[in-house]
Amino acid sequence: MLREASFVLPYPHHISVNNIWKISKYGVYLSPIAKRYFKDVFFIVYSIPKFEEDLLRVEIKMYPPDLRKRDIDNILKITLDSLQHAKLYNNDNQVEELYVKKMHKVDDGMLEVKIQSLLSSN
């Protein structure tokens, strides 16, 4: 059965690919700022039926919090990882199609996310 879900996530302020994971002499761990974001995402998506092993199409509309120039790809790692961590899907390697569009500025920023199952990977 092909399914879809749409929801709004907070804009990942001050989180980049370089500061999601930290390394110490004890190993790799999630940075405190990323941990908070993962927790916020979990509570937003926890009641959405899971996509488990489906192949996915993900659409993200990025509404930045200000008019600064931003690389459109900077939000992708934290967004896809946080959805995986929230168990919306098993692994972000299930994403077969990814569409990202930068939209107009809104206060505090936000991400509109739409996930659609394509075909089961089974």
PDB file of N, CA and C in Angstrom:
ATOM      1  N   MET A   1       0.842  -1.181   0.000  1.00  0.00           N
ATOM      2  CA  MET A   1       0.000   0.000   0.000  1.00  0.00           C
ATOM      3  C   MET A   1       0.889   1.247   0.000  1.00  0.00           C
ATOM      4  N   LEU A   2       0.640   2.157  -0.916  1.00  0.00           N
ATOM      5  CA  LEU A   2       1.403   3.390  -0.996  1.00  0.00           C
ATOM      6  C   LEU A   2       0.766   4.423  -0.066  1.00  0.00           C
ATOM      7  N   ARG A   3       1.600   5.071   0.727  1.00  0.00           N
ATOM      8  CA  ARG A   3       1.113   6.016   1.731  1.00  0.00           C
ATOM      9  C   ARG A   3       1.878   7.318   1.636  1.00  0.00           C
ATOM     10  N   GLU A   4       1.353   8.327   2.340  1.00  0.00           N
ATOM     11  CA  GLU A   4       2.088   9.583   2.453  1.00  0.00           C
ATOM     12  C   GLU A   4       1.766  10.254   3.772  1.00  0.00           C
ATOM     13  N   ALA A   5       2.661  11.144   4.177  1.00  0.00           N
ATOM     14  CA  ALA A   5       2.483  11.923   5.398  1.00  0.00           C
ATOM     15  C   ALA A   5       3.047  13.311   5.162  1.00  0.00           C
ATOM     16  N   SER A   6       2.377  14.306   5.708  1.00  0.00           N
ATOM     17  CA  SER A   6       2.847  15.693   5.635  1.00  0.00           C
ATOM     18  C   SER A   6       2.862  16.271   7.038  1.00  0.00           C
ATOM     19  N   PHE A   7       3.877  17.057   7.332  1.00  0.00           N
ATOM     20  CA  PHE A   7       4.003  17.657   8.656  1.00  0.00           C
ATOM     21  C   PHE A   7       4.980  18.820   8.570  1.00  0.00           C
ATOM     22  N   VAL A   8       5.019  19.616   9.616  1.00  0.00           N
ATOM     23  CA  VAL A   8       5.897  20.780   9.693  1.00  0.00           C
ATOM     24  C   VAL A   8       6.911  20.538  10.805  1.00  0.00           C
ATOM     25  N   LEU A   9       8.174  20.789  10.495  1.00  0.00           N
ATOM     26  CA  LEU A   9       9.252  20.673  11.474  1.00  0.00           C
ATOM     27  C   LEU A   9       9.828  22.048  11.765  1.00  0.00           C
ATOM     28  N   PRO A  10      10.404  22.215  12.949  1.00  0.00           N
ATOM     29  CA  PRO A  10      11.095  23.474  13.226  1.00  0.00           C
ATOM     30  C   PRO A  10      12.320  23.609  12.328  1.00  0.00           C
ATOM     31  N   TYR A  11      12.693  24.826  12.048  1.00  0.00           N
ATOM     32  CA  TYR A  11      13.896  25.068  11.266  1.00  0.00           C
ATOM     33  C   TYR A  11      15.108  24.667  12.115  1.00  0.00           C
ATOM     34  N   PRO A  12      16.056  23.938  11.563  1.00  0.00           N
ATOM     35  CA  PRO A  12      17.227  23.507  12.355  1.00  0.00           C
ATOM     36  C   PRO A  12      18.254  24.628  12.522  1.00  0.00           C
ATOM     37  N   HIS A  13      17.937  25.564  13.417  1.00  0.00           N
ATOM     38  CA  HIS A  13      18.817  26.711  13.673  1.00  0.00           C
ATOM     39  C   HIS A  13      20.189  26.261  14.172  1.00  0.00           C
ATOM     40  N   HIS A  14      21.217  26.845  13.646  1.00  0.00           N
ATOM     41  CA  HIS A  14      22.591  26.650  14.137  1.00  0.00           C
ATOM     42  C   HIS A  14      23.063  25.199  14.087  1.00  0.00           C
ATOM     43  N   ILE A  15      22.424  24.384  13.264  1.00  0.00           N
ATOM     44  CA  ILE A  15      22.867  22.999  13.133  1.00  0.00           C
ATOM     45  C   ILE A  15      23.344  22.794  11.703  1.00  0.00           C
ATOM     46  N   SER A  16      24.576  22.341  11.578  1.00  0.00           N
ATOM     47  CA  SER A  16      25.123  22.064  10.253  1.00  0.00           C
ATOM     48  C   SER A  16      25.655  20.631  10.240  1.00  0.00           C
ATOM     49  N   VAL A  17      26.035  20.190   9.080  1.00  0.00           N
ATOM     50  CA  VAL A  17      26.614  18.856   8.934  1.00  0.00           C
ATOM     51  C   VAL A  17      27.805  18.691   9.877  1.00  0.00           C
ATOM     52  N   ASN A  18      28.533  19.779  10.095  1.00  0.00           N
ATOM     53  CA  ASN A  18      29.751  19.719  10.905  1.00  0.00           C
ATOM     54  C   ASN A  18      29.513  19.639  12.407  1.00  0.00           C
ATOM     55  N   ASN A  19      28.313  19.941  12.871  1.00  0.00           N
ATOM     56  CA  ASN A  19      28.124  19.910  14.332  1.00  0.00           C
ATOM     57  C   ASN A  19      26.995  18.998  14.803  1.00  0.00           C
ATOM     58  N   ILE A  20      26.577  18.048  13.968  1.00  0.00           N
ATOM     59  CA  ILE A  20      25.582  17.072  14.408  1.00  0.00           C
ATOM     60  C   ILE A  20      26.242  16.037  15.322  1.00  0.00           C
ATOM     61  N   TRP A  21      27.354  15.516  14.879  1.00  0.00           N
ATOM     62  CA  TRP A  21      28.064  14.466  15.617  1.00  0.00           C
ATOM     63  C   TRP A  21      29.356  15.021  16.185  1.00  0.00           C
ATOM     64  N   LYS A  22      29.686  14.643  17.394  1.00  0.00           N
ATOM     65  CA  LYS A  22      30.929  15.046  18.064  1.00  0.00           C
ATOM     66  C   LYS A  22      31.776  13.798  18.305  1.00  0.00           C
ATOM     67  N   ILE A  23      33.076  14.007  18.351  1.00  0.00           N
ATOM     68  CA  ILE A  23      34.006  12.893  18.577  1.00  0.00           C
ATOM     69  C   ILE A  23      34.800  13.171  19.851  1.00  0.00           C
ATOM     70  N   SER A  24      34.882  12.164  20.686  1.00  0.00           N
ATOM     71  CA  SER A  24      35.707  12.263  21.890  1.00  0.00           C
ATOM     72  C   SER A  24      36.568  11.014  21.969  1.00  0.00           C
ATOM     73  N   LYS A  25      37.382  10.928  22.988  1.00  0.00           N
ATOM     74  CA  LYS A  25      38.211   9.734  23.148  1.00  0.00           C
ATOM     75  C   LYS A  25      37.357   8.504  23.454  1.00  0.00           C
ATOM     76  N   TYR A  26      36.076   8.720  23.816  1.00  0.00           N
ATOM     77  CA  TYR A  26      35.178   7.607  24.123  1.00  0.00           C
ATOM     78  C   TYR A  26      34.341   7.173  22.916  1.00  0.00           C
ATOM     79  N   GLY A  27      34.433   7.917  21.812  1.00  0.00           N
ATOM     80  CA  GLY A  27      33.692   7.554  20.610  1.00  0.00           C
ATOM     81  C   GLY A  27      32.906   8.719  20.035  1.00  0.00           C
ATOM     82  N   VAL A  28      31.983   8.413  19.167  1.00  0.00           N
ATOM     83  CA  VAL A  28      31.168   9.412  18.483  1.00  0.00           C
ATOM     84  C   VAL A  28      29.836   9.538  19.219  1.00  0.00           C
ATOM     85  N   TYR A  29      29.381  10.770  19.399  1.00  0.00           N
ATOM     86  CA  TYR A  29      28.111  10.991  20.075  1.00  0.00           C
ATOM     87  C   TYR A  29      27.372  12.160  19.429  1.00  0.00           C
ATOM     88  N   LEU A  30      26.084  12.205  19.651  1.00  0.00           N
ATOM     89  CA  LEU A  30      25.222  13.254  19.132  1.00  0.00           C
ATOM     90  C   LEU A  30      25.451  14.534  19.925  1.00  0.00           C
ATOM     91  N   SER A  31      25.660  15.643  19.227  1.00  0.00           N
ATOM     92  CA  SER A  31      25.886  16.916  19.916  1.00  0.00           C
ATOM     93  C   SER A  31      24.618  17.332  20.671  1.00  0.00           C
ATOM     94  N   PRO A  32      24.759  18.122  21.726  1.00  0.00           N
ATOM     95  CA  PRO A  32      23.582  18.542  22.502  1.00  0.00           C
ATOM     96  C   PRO A  32      22.537  19.284  21.655  1.00  0.00           C
ATOM     97  N   ILE A  33      22.972  20.143  20.744  1.00  0.00           N
ATOM     98  CA  ILE A  33      22.022  20.888  19.918  1.00  0.00           C
ATOM     99  C   ILE A  33      21.278  19.945  18.968  1.00  0.00           C
ATOM    100  N   ALA A  34      21.967  18.955  18.417  1.00  0.00           N
ATOM    101  CA  ALA A  34      21.319  17.979  17.538  1.00  0.00           C
ATOM    102  C   ALA A  34      20.391  17.080  18.354  1.00  0.00           C
ATOM    103  N   LYS A  35      20.795  16.723  19.569  1.00  0.00           N
ATOM    104  CA  LYS A  35      19.971  15.875  20.429  1.00  0.00           C
ATOM    105  C   LYS A  35      18.631  16.547  20.726  1.00  0.00           C
ATOM    106  N   ARG A  36      18.666  17.854  20.989  1.00  0.00           N
ATOM    107  CA  ARG A  36      17.423  18.592  21.237  1.00  0.00           C
ATOM    108  C   ARG A  36      16.535  18.591  19.988  1.00  0.00           C
ATOM    109  N   TYR A  37      17.165  18.788  18.821  1.00  0.00           N
ATOM    110  CA  TYR A  37      16.387  18.802  17.580  1.00  0.00           C
ATOM    111  C   TYR A  37      15.762  17.426  17.322  1.00  0.00           C
ATOM    112  N   PHE A  38      16.538  16.371  17.501  1.00  0.00           N
ATOM    113  CA  PHE A  38      16.021  15.010  17.314  1.00  0.00           C
ATOM    114  C   PHE A  38      14.808  14.764  18.226  1.00  0.00           C
ATOM    115  N   LYS A  39      14.895  15.239  19.466  1.00  0.00           N
ATOM    116  CA  LYS A  39      13.799  15.064  20.419  1.00  0.00           C
ATOM    117  C   LYS A  39      12.557  15.824  19.954  1.00  0.00           C
ATOM    118  N   ASP A  40      12.740  17.059  19.502  1.00  0.00           N
ATOM    119  CA  ASP A  40      11.614  17.852  18.996  1.00  0.00           C
ATOM    120  C   ASP A  40      10.944  17.149  17.812  1.00  0.00           C
ATOM    121  N   VAL A  41      11.741  16.641  16.885  1.00  0.00           N
ATOM    122  CA  VAL A  41      11.201  15.948  15.713  1.00  0.00           C
ATOM    123  C   VAL A  41      10.463  14.686  16.137  1.00  0.00           C
ATOM    124  N   PHE A  42      11.033  13.938  17.070  1.00  0.00           N
ATOM    125  CA  PHE A  42      10.373  12.723  17.547  1.00  0.00           C
ATOM    126  C   PHE A  42       8.950  13.016  18.015  1.00  0.00           C
ATOM    127  N   PHE A  43       8.768  14.069  18.820  1.00  0.00           N
ATOM    128  CA  PHE A  43       7.444  14.369  19.359  1.00  0.00           C
ATOM    129  C   PHE A  43       6.479  14.869  18.286  1.00  0.00           C
ATOM    130  N   ILE A  44       6.984  15.410  17.205  1.00  0.00           N
ATOM    131  CA  ILE A  44       6.124  15.853  16.098  1.00  0.00           C
ATOM    132  C   ILE A  44       5.639  14.664  15.278  1.00  0.00           C
ATOM    133  N   VAL A  45       6.498  13.682  15.044  1.00  0.00           N
ATOM    134  CA  VAL A  45       6.152  12.594  14.109  1.00  0.00           C
ATOM    135  C   VAL A  45       5.775  11.272  14.786  1.00  0.00           C
ATOM    136  N   TYR A  46       5.801  11.200  16.109  1.00  0.00           N
ATOM    137  CA  TYR A  46       5.618   9.893  16.771  1.00  0.00           C
ATOM    138  C   TYR A  46       4.293   9.219  16.446  1.00  0.00           C
ATOM    139  N   SER A  47       3.230   9.983  16.177  1.00  0.00           N
ATOM    140  CA  SER A  47       1.929   9.364  15.913  1.00  0.00           C
ATOM    141  C   SER A  47       1.690   9.078  14.425  1.00  0.00           C
ATOM    142  N   ILE A  48       2.613   9.450  13.569  1.00  0.00           N
ATOM    143  CA  ILE A  48       2.478   9.187  12.131  1.00  0.00           C
ATOM    144  C   ILE A  48       2.820   7.720  11.873  1.00  0.00           C
ATOM    145  N   PRO A  49       1.978   7.008  11.114  1.00  0.00           N
ATOM    146  CA  PRO A  49       2.314   5.611  10.781  1.00  0.00           C
ATOM    147  C   PRO A  49       3.687   5.529  10.105  1.00  0.00           C
ATOM    148  N   LYS A  50       4.448   4.528  10.472  1.00  0.00           N
ATOM    149  CA  LYS A  50       5.835   4.389  10.017  1.00  0.00           C
ATOM    150  C   LYS A  50       5.907   3.838   8.595  1.00  0.00           C
ATOM    151  N   PHE A  51       6.980   4.212   7.915  1.00  0.00           N
ATOM    152  CA  PHE A  51       7.209   3.772   6.543  1.00  0.00           C
ATOM    153  C   PHE A  51       8.101   2.528   6.481  1.00  0.00           C
ATOM    154  N   GLU A  52       8.622   2.109   7.627  1.00  0.00           N
ATOM    155  CA  GLU A  52       9.447   0.914   7.762  1.00  0.00           C
ATOM    156  C   GLU A  52      10.453   0.774   6.628  1.00  0.00           C
ATOM    157  N   GLU A  53      10.257  -0.164   5.707  1.00  0.00           N
ATOM    158  CA  GLU A  53      11.253  -0.421   4.666  1.00  0.00           C
ATOM    159  C   GLU A  53      10.849   0.094   3.283  1.00  0.00           C
ATOM    160  N   ASP A  54       9.781   0.885   3.205  1.00  0.00           N
ATOM    161  CA  ASP A  54       9.333   1.422   1.914  1.00  0.00           C
ATOM    162  C   ASP A  54      10.416   2.288   1.279  1.00  0.00           C
ATOM    163  N   LEU A  55      10.459   2.280  -0.036  1.00  0.00           N
ATOM    164  CA  LEU A  55      11.263   3.250  -0.763  1.00  0.00           C
ATOM    165  C   LEU A  55      10.483   4.557  -0.747  1.00  0.00           C
ATOM    166  N   LEU A  56      11.197   5.688  -0.636  1.00  0.00           N
ATOM    167  CA  LEU A  56      10.523   6.948  -0.333  1.00  0.00           C
ATOM    168  C   LEU A  56      10.856   8.086  -1.282  1.00  0.00           C
ATOM    169  N   ARG A  57       9.883   8.975  -1.406  1.00  0.00           N
ATOM    170  CA  ARG A  57      10.071  10.275  -2.041  1.00  0.00           C
ATOM    171  C   ARG A  57       9.882  11.292  -0.935  1.00  0.00           C
ATOM    172  N   VAL A  58      10.852  12.180  -0.752  1.00  0.00           N
ATOM    173  CA  VAL A  58      10.779  13.194   0.298  1.00  0.00           C
ATOM    174  C   VAL A  58      10.811  14.573  -0.358  1.00  0.00           C
ATOM    175  N   GLU A  59       9.865  15.397   0.035  1.00  0.00           N
ATOM    176  CA  GLU A  59       9.799  16.774  -0.443  1.00  0.00           C
ATOM    177  C   GLU A  59       9.922  17.693   0.767  1.00  0.00           C
ATOM    178  N   ILE A  60      10.836  18.641   0.695  1.00  0.00           N
ATOM    179  CA  ILE A  60      11.041  19.578   1.800  1.00  0.00           C
ATOM    180  C   ILE A  60      10.950  20.995   1.248  1.00  0.00           C
ATOM    181  N   LYS A  61      10.055  21.787   1.844  1.00  0.00           N
ATOM    182  CA  LYS A  61       9.989  23.213   1.537  1.00  0.00           C
ATOM    183  C   LYS A  61      10.615  23.934   2.724  1.00  0.00           C
ATOM    184  N   MET A  62      11.701  24.622   2.438  1.00  0.00           N
ATOM    185  CA  MET A  62      12.508  25.280   3.463  1.00  0.00           C
ATOM    186  C   MET A  62      12.131  26.754   3.554  1.00  0.00           C
ATOM    187  N   TYR A  63      11.613  27.143   4.701  1.00  0.00           N
ATOM    188  CA  TYR A  63      11.268  28.537   4.963  1.00  0.00           C
ATOM    189  C   TYR A  63      12.305  29.071   5.956  1.00  0.00           C
ATOM    190  N   PRO A  64      13.298  29.805   5.475  1.00  0.00           N
ATOM    191  CA  PRO A  64      14.366  30.275   6.376  1.00  0.00           C
ATOM    192  C   PRO A  64      13.855  31.333   7.362  1.00  0.00           C
ATOM    193  N   PRO A  65      14.554  31.474   8.491  1.00  0.00           N
ATOM    194  CA  PRO A  65      14.128  32.422   9.515  1.00  0.00           C
ATOM    195  C   PRO A  65      14.554  33.871   9.239  1.00  0.00           C
ATOM    196  N   ASP A  66      15.408  34.066   8.247  1.00  0.00           N
ATOM    197  CA  ASP A  66      15.897  35.405   7.937  1.00  0.00           C
ATOM    198  C   ASP A  66      16.322  35.450   6.471  1.00  0.00           C
ATOM    199  N   LEU A  67      16.861  36.565   6.058  1.00  0.00           N
ATOM    200  CA  LEU A  67      17.207  36.764   4.650  1.00  0.00           C
ATOM    201  C   LEU A  67      18.674  36.462   4.324  1.00  0.00           C
ATOM    202  N   ARG A  68      19.407  35.899   5.278  1.00  0.00           N
ATOM    203  CA  ARG A  68      20.800  35.533   4.993  1.00  0.00           C
ATOM    204  C   ARG A  68      20.854  34.519   3.862  1.00  0.00           C
ATOM    205  N   LYS A  69      21.947  34.560   3.105  1.00  0.00           N
ATOM    206  CA  LYS A  69      22.138  33.560   2.054  1.00  0.00           C
ATOM    207  C   LYS A  69      22.455  32.230   2.731  1.00  0.00           C
ATOM    208  N   ARG A  70      21.801  31.158   2.269  1.00  0.00           N
ATOM    209  CA  ARG A  70      21.972  29.839   2.867  1.00  0.00           C
ATOM    210  C   ARG A  70      22.122  28.800   1.776  1.00  0.00           C
ATOM    211  N   ASP A  71      22.955  27.824   2.030  1.00  0.00           N
ATOM    212  CA  ASP A  71      23.063  26.685   1.121  1.00  0.00           C
ATOM    213  C   ASP A  71      21.856  25.795   1.367  1.00  0.00           C
ATOM    214  N   ILE A  72      21.171  25.457   0.314  1.00  0.00           N
ATOM    215  CA  ILE A  72      19.935  24.685   0.436  1.00  0.00           C
ATOM    216  C   ILE A  72      20.177  23.288   1.012  1.00  0.00           C
ATOM    217  N   ASP A  73      21.371  22.744   0.821  1.00  0.00           N
ATOM    218  CA  ASP A  73      21.639  21.374   1.277  1.00  0.00           C
ATOM    219  C   ASP A  73      22.017  21.278   2.754  1.00  0.00           C
ATOM    220  N   ASN A  74      22.233  22.392   3.436  1.00  0.00           N
ATOM    221  CA  ASN A  74      22.656  22.338   4.839  1.00  0.00           C
ATOM    222  C   ASN A  74      21.604  21.751   5.775  1.00  0.00           C
ATOM    223  N   ILE A  75      20.348  21.809   5.410  1.00  0.00           N
ATOM    224  CA  ILE A  75      19.294  21.286   6.287  1.00  0.00           C
ATOM    225  C   ILE A  75      19.029  19.801   6.071  1.00  0.00           C
ATOM    226  N   LEU A  76      19.594  19.237   5.027  1.00  0.00           N
ATOM    227  CA  LEU A  76      19.214  17.868   4.658  1.00  0.00           C
ATOM    228  C   LEU A  76      19.692  16.811   5.642  1.00  0.00           C
ATOM    229  N   LYS A  77      20.933  16.842   6.043  1.00  0.00           N
ATOM    230  CA  LYS A  77      21.485  15.800   6.916  1.00  0.00           C
ATOM    231  C   LYS A  77      20.735  15.729   8.249  1.00  0.00           C
ATOM    232  N   ILE A  78      20.568  16.866   8.904  1.00  0.00           N
ATOM    233  CA  ILE A  78      19.891  16.861  10.204  1.00  0.00           C
ATOM    234  C   ILE A  78      18.433  16.457  10.055  1.00  0.00           C
ATOM    235  N   THR A  79      17.779  16.885   8.977  1.00  0.00           N
ATOM    236  CA  THR A  79      16.367  16.557   8.783  1.00  0.00           C
ATOM    237  C   THR A  79      16.179  15.063   8.539  1.00  0.00           C
ATOM    238  N   LEU A  80      16.921  14.510   7.588  1.00  0.00           N
ATOM    239  CA  LEU A  80      16.771  13.087   7.278  1.00  0.00           C
ATOM    240  C   LEU A  80      17.217  12.205   8.441  1.00  0.00           C
ATOM    241  N   ASP A  81      18.303  12.570   9.110  1.00  0.00           N
ATOM    242  CA  ASP A  81      18.760  11.798  10.272  1.00  0.00           C
ATOM    243  C   ASP A  81      17.753  11.849  11.417  1.00  0.00           C
ATOM    244  N   SER A  82      17.151  13.019  11.645  1.00  0.00           N
ATOM    245  CA  SER A  82      16.198  13.128  12.749  1.00  0.00           C
ATOM    246  C   SER A  82      14.934  12.304  12.487  1.00  0.00           C
ATOM    247  N   LEU A  83      14.509  12.219  11.228  1.00  0.00           N
ATOM    248  CA  LEU A  83      13.343  11.400  10.895  1.00  0.00           C
ATOM    249  C   LEU A  83      13.656   9.914  11.042  1.00  0.00           C
ATOM    250  N   GLN A  84      14.881   9.538  10.713  1.00  0.00           N
ATOM    251  CA  GLN A  84      15.311   8.148  10.917  1.00  0.00           C
ATOM    252  C   GLN A  84      15.371   7.854  12.423  1.00  0.00           C
ATOM    253  N   HIS A  85      15.952   8.747  13.179  1.00  0.00           N
ATOM    254  CA  HIS A  85      16.068   8.567  14.623  1.00  0.00           C
ATOM    255  C   HIS A  85      14.689   8.467  15.278  1.00  0.00           C
ATOM    256  N   ALA A  86      13.705   9.177  14.732  1.00  0.00           N
ATOM    257  CA  ALA A  86      12.336   9.127  15.241  1.00  0.00           C
ATOM    258  C   ALA A  86      11.596   7.882  14.751  1.00  0.00           C
ATOM    259  N   LYS A  87      12.298   7.047  13.977  1.00  0.00           N
ATOM    260  CA  LYS A  87      11.779   5.776  13.475  1.00  0.00           C
ATOM    261  C   LYS A  87      10.622   5.940  12.491  1.00  0.00           C
ATOM    262  N   LEU A  88      10.583   7.097  11.787  1.00  0.00           N
ATOM    263  CA  LEU A  88       9.579   7.268  10.744  1.00  0.00           C
ATOM    264  C   LEU A  88       9.882   6.325   9.581  1.00  0.00           C
ATOM    265  N   TYR A  89      11.160   6.043   9.380  1.00  0.00           N
ATOM    266  CA  TYR A  89      11.620   5.006   8.451  1.00  0.00           C
ATOM    267  C   TYR A  89      12.841   4.356   9.066  1.00  0.00           C
ATOM    268  N   ASN A  90      13.237   3.212   8.542  1.00  0.00           N
ATOM    269  CA  ASN A  90      14.349   2.467   9.142  1.00  0.00           C
ATOM    270  C   ASN A  90      15.704   3.100   8.868  1.00  0.00           C
ATOM    271  N   ASN A  91      15.879   3.615   7.640  1.00  0.00           N
ATOM    272  CA  ASN A  91      17.184   4.163   7.270  1.00  0.00           C
ATOM    273  C   ASN A  91      16.976   5.199   6.174  1.00  0.00           C
ATOM    274  N   ASP A  92      17.733   6.295   6.246  1.00  0.00           N
ATOM    275  CA  ASP A  92      17.547   7.319   5.210  1.00  0.00           C
ATOM    276  C   ASP A  92      18.055   6.884   3.836  1.00  0.00           C
ATOM    277  N   ASN A  93      18.648   5.696   3.746  1.00  0.00           N
ATOM    278  CA  ASN A  93      19.004   5.182   2.417  1.00  0.00           C
ATOM    279  C   ASN A  93      17.762   4.692   1.666  1.00  0.00           C
ATOM    280  N   GLN A  94      16.604   4.689   2.317  1.00  0.00           N
ATOM    281  CA  GLN A  94      15.347   4.361   1.658  1.00  0.00           C
ATOM    282  C   GLN A  94      14.860   5.488   0.763  1.00  0.00           C
ATOM    283  N   VAL A  95      15.424   6.685   0.934  1.00  0.00           N
ATOM    284  CA  VAL A  95      15.010   7.842   0.141  1.00  0.00           C
ATOM    285  C   VAL A  95      15.570   7.696  -1.271  1.00  0.00           C
ATOM    286  N   GLU A  96      14.661   7.495  -2.209  1.00  0.00           N
ATOM    287  CA  GLU A  96      15.018   7.326  -3.619  1.00  0.00           C
ATOM    288  C   GLU A  96      14.906   8.637  -4.383  1.00  0.00           C
ATOM    289  N   GLU A  97      14.011   9.504  -3.935  1.00  0.00           N
ATOM    290  CA  GLU A  97      13.798  10.798  -4.570  1.00  0.00           C
ATOM    291  C   GLU A  97      13.777  11.862  -3.482  1.00  0.00           C
ATOM    292  N   LEU A  98      14.459  12.970  -3.749  1.00  0.00           N
ATOM    293  CA  LEU A  98      14.535  14.048  -2.776  1.00  0.00           C
ATOM    294  C   LEU A  98      14.366  15.367  -3.509  1.00  0.00           C
ATOM    295  N   TYR A  99      13.402  16.155  -3.061  1.00  0.00           N
ATOM    296  CA  TYR A  99      13.110  17.451  -3.656  1.00  0.00           C
ATOM    297  C   TYR A  99      13.166  18.495  -2.554  1.00  0.00           C
ATOM    298  N   VAL A 100      13.953  19.540  -2.763  1.00  0.00           N
ATOM    299  CA  VAL A 100      14.073  20.605  -1.772  1.00  0.00           C
ATOM    300  C   VAL A 100      13.868  21.935  -2.477  1.00  0.00           C
ATOM    301  N   LYS A 101      13.052  22.777  -1.884  1.00  0.00           N
ATOM    302  CA  LYS A 101      12.803  24.097  -2.463  1.00  0.00           C
ATOM    303  C   LYS A 101      12.906  25.153  -1.374  1.00  0.00           C
ATOM    304  N   LYS A 102      13.673  26.192  -1.655  1.00  0.00           N
ATOM    305  CA  LYS A 102      13.808  27.312  -0.728  1.00  0.00           C
ATOM    306  C   LYS A 102      12.628  28.253  -0.959  1.00  0.00           C
ATOM    307  N   MET A 103      11.940  28.569   0.118  1.00  0.00           N
ATOM    308  CA  MET A 103      10.748  29.407   0.055  1.00  0.00           C
ATOM    309  C   MET A 103      11.066  30.781   0.667  1.00  0.00           C
ATOM    310  N   HIS A 104      10.041  31.565   0.932  1.00  0.00           N
ATOM    311  CA  HIS A 104      10.213  32.892   1.521  1.00  0.00           C
ATOM    312  C   HIS A 104      10.495  32.794   3.020  1.00  0.00           C
ATOM    313  N   LYS A 105      11.027  33.852   3.568  1.00  0.00           N
ATOM    314  CA  LYS A 105      11.340  33.934   4.993  1.00  0.00           C
ATOM    315  C   LYS A 105      10.053  33.927   5.815  1.00  0.00           C
ATOM    316  N   VAL A 106      10.082  33.200   6.937  1.00  0.00           N
ATOM    317  CA  VAL A 106       9.016  33.273   7.934  1.00  0.00           C
ATOM    318  C   VAL A 106       9.670  33.382   9.316  1.00  0.00           C
ATOM    319  N   ASP A 107       8.997  34.010  10.239  1.00  0.00           N
ATOM    320  CA  ASP A 107       9.540  34.145  11.593  1.00  0.00           C
ATOM    321  C   ASP A 107       9.884  32.778  12.158  1.00  0.00           C
ATOM    322  N   ASP A 108      11.062  32.635  12.695  1.00  0.00           N
ATOM    323  CA  ASP A 108      11.603  31.409  13.295  1.00  0.00           C
ATOM    324  C   ASP A 108      11.912  30.315  12.277  1.00  0.00           C
ATOM    325  N   GLY A 109      11.470  30.452  11.038  1.00  0.00           N
ATOM    326  CA  GLY A 109      11.735  29.449  10.016  1.00  0.00           C
ATOM    327  C   GLY A 109      10.945  28.175  10.266  1.00  0.00           C
ATOM    328  N   MET A 110      10.852  27.341   9.235  1.00  0.00           N
ATOM    329  CA  MET A 110      10.189  26.046   9.373  1.00  0.00           C
ATOM    330  C   MET A 110      10.486  25.212   8.136  1.00  0.00           C
ATOM    331  N   LEU A 111      10.213  23.927   8.256  1.00  0.00           N
ATOM    332  CA  LEU A 111      10.339  23.005   7.140  1.00  0.00           C
ATOM    333  C   LEU A 111       8.997  22.314   6.949  1.00  0.00           C
ATOM    334  N   GLU A 112       8.439  22.417   5.758  1.00  0.00           N
ATOM    335  CA  GLU A 112       7.254  21.626   5.424  1.00  0.00           C
ATOM    336  C   GLU A 112       7.762  20.354   4.769  1.00  0.00           C
ATOM    337  N   VAL A 113       7.387  19.219   5.315  1.00  0.00           N
ATOM    338  CA  VAL A 113       7.909  17.936   4.837  1.00  0.00           C
ATOM    339  C   VAL A 113       6.742  17.070   4.365  1.00  0.00           C
ATOM    340  N   LYS A 114       6.956  16.443   3.216  1.00  0.00           N
ATOM    341  CA  LYS A 114       5.980  15.479   2.697  1.00  0.00           C
ATOM    342  C   LYS A 114       6.756  14.227   2.320  1.00  0.00           C
ATOM    343  N   ILE A 115       6.330  13.093   2.852  1.00  0.00           N
ATOM    344  CA  ILE A 115       6.977  11.814   2.560  1.00  0.00           C
ATOM    345  C   ILE A 115       5.945  10.914   1.896  1.00  0.00           C
ATOM    346  N   GLN A 116       6.339  10.300   0.801  1.00  0.00           N
ATOM    347  CA  GLN A 116       5.464   9.364   0.090  1.00  0.00           C
ATOM    348  C   GLN A 116       6.192   8.053  -0.119  1.00  0.00           C
ATOM    349  N   SER A 117       5.481   6.951   0.110  1.00  0.00           N
ATOM    350  CA  SER A 117       6.087   5.664  -0.206  1.00  0.00           C
ATOM    351  C   SER A 117       5.985   5.472  -1.721  1.00  0.00           C
ATOM    352  N   LEU A 118       6.998   4.878  -2.304  1.00  0.00           N
ATOM    353  CA  LEU A 118       7.015   4.592  -3.742  1.00  0.00           C
ATOM    354  C   LEU A 118       6.575   3.156  -3.946  1.00  0.00           C
ATOM    355  N   LEU A 119       7.488   2.256  -3.779  1.00  0.00           N
ATOM    356  CA  LEU A 119       7.207   0.821  -3.876  1.00  0.00           C
ATOM    357  C   LEU A 119       7.875   0.165  -2.688  1.00  0.00           C
ATOM    358  N   SER A 120       7.321  -0.882  -2.224  1.00  0.00           N
ATOM    359  CA  SER A 120       7.948  -1.616  -1.131  1.00  0.00           C
ATOM    360  C   SER A 120       9.282  -2.170  -1.616  1.00  0.00           C
ATOM    361  N   SER A 121      10.280  -2.156  -0.756  1.00  0.00           N
ATOM    362  CA  SER A 121      11.595  -2.690  -1.131  1.00  0.00           C
ATOM    363  C   SER A 121      11.643  -4.187  -0.992  1.00  0.00           C
ATOM    364  N   ASN A 122      10.556  -4.816  -0.537  1.00  0.00           N
ATOM    365  CA  ASN A 122      10.513  -6.274  -0.365  1.00  0.00           C
ATOM    366  C   ASN A 122      10.345  -6.968  -1.687  1.00  0.00           C
TER     367      ASN A 122
END
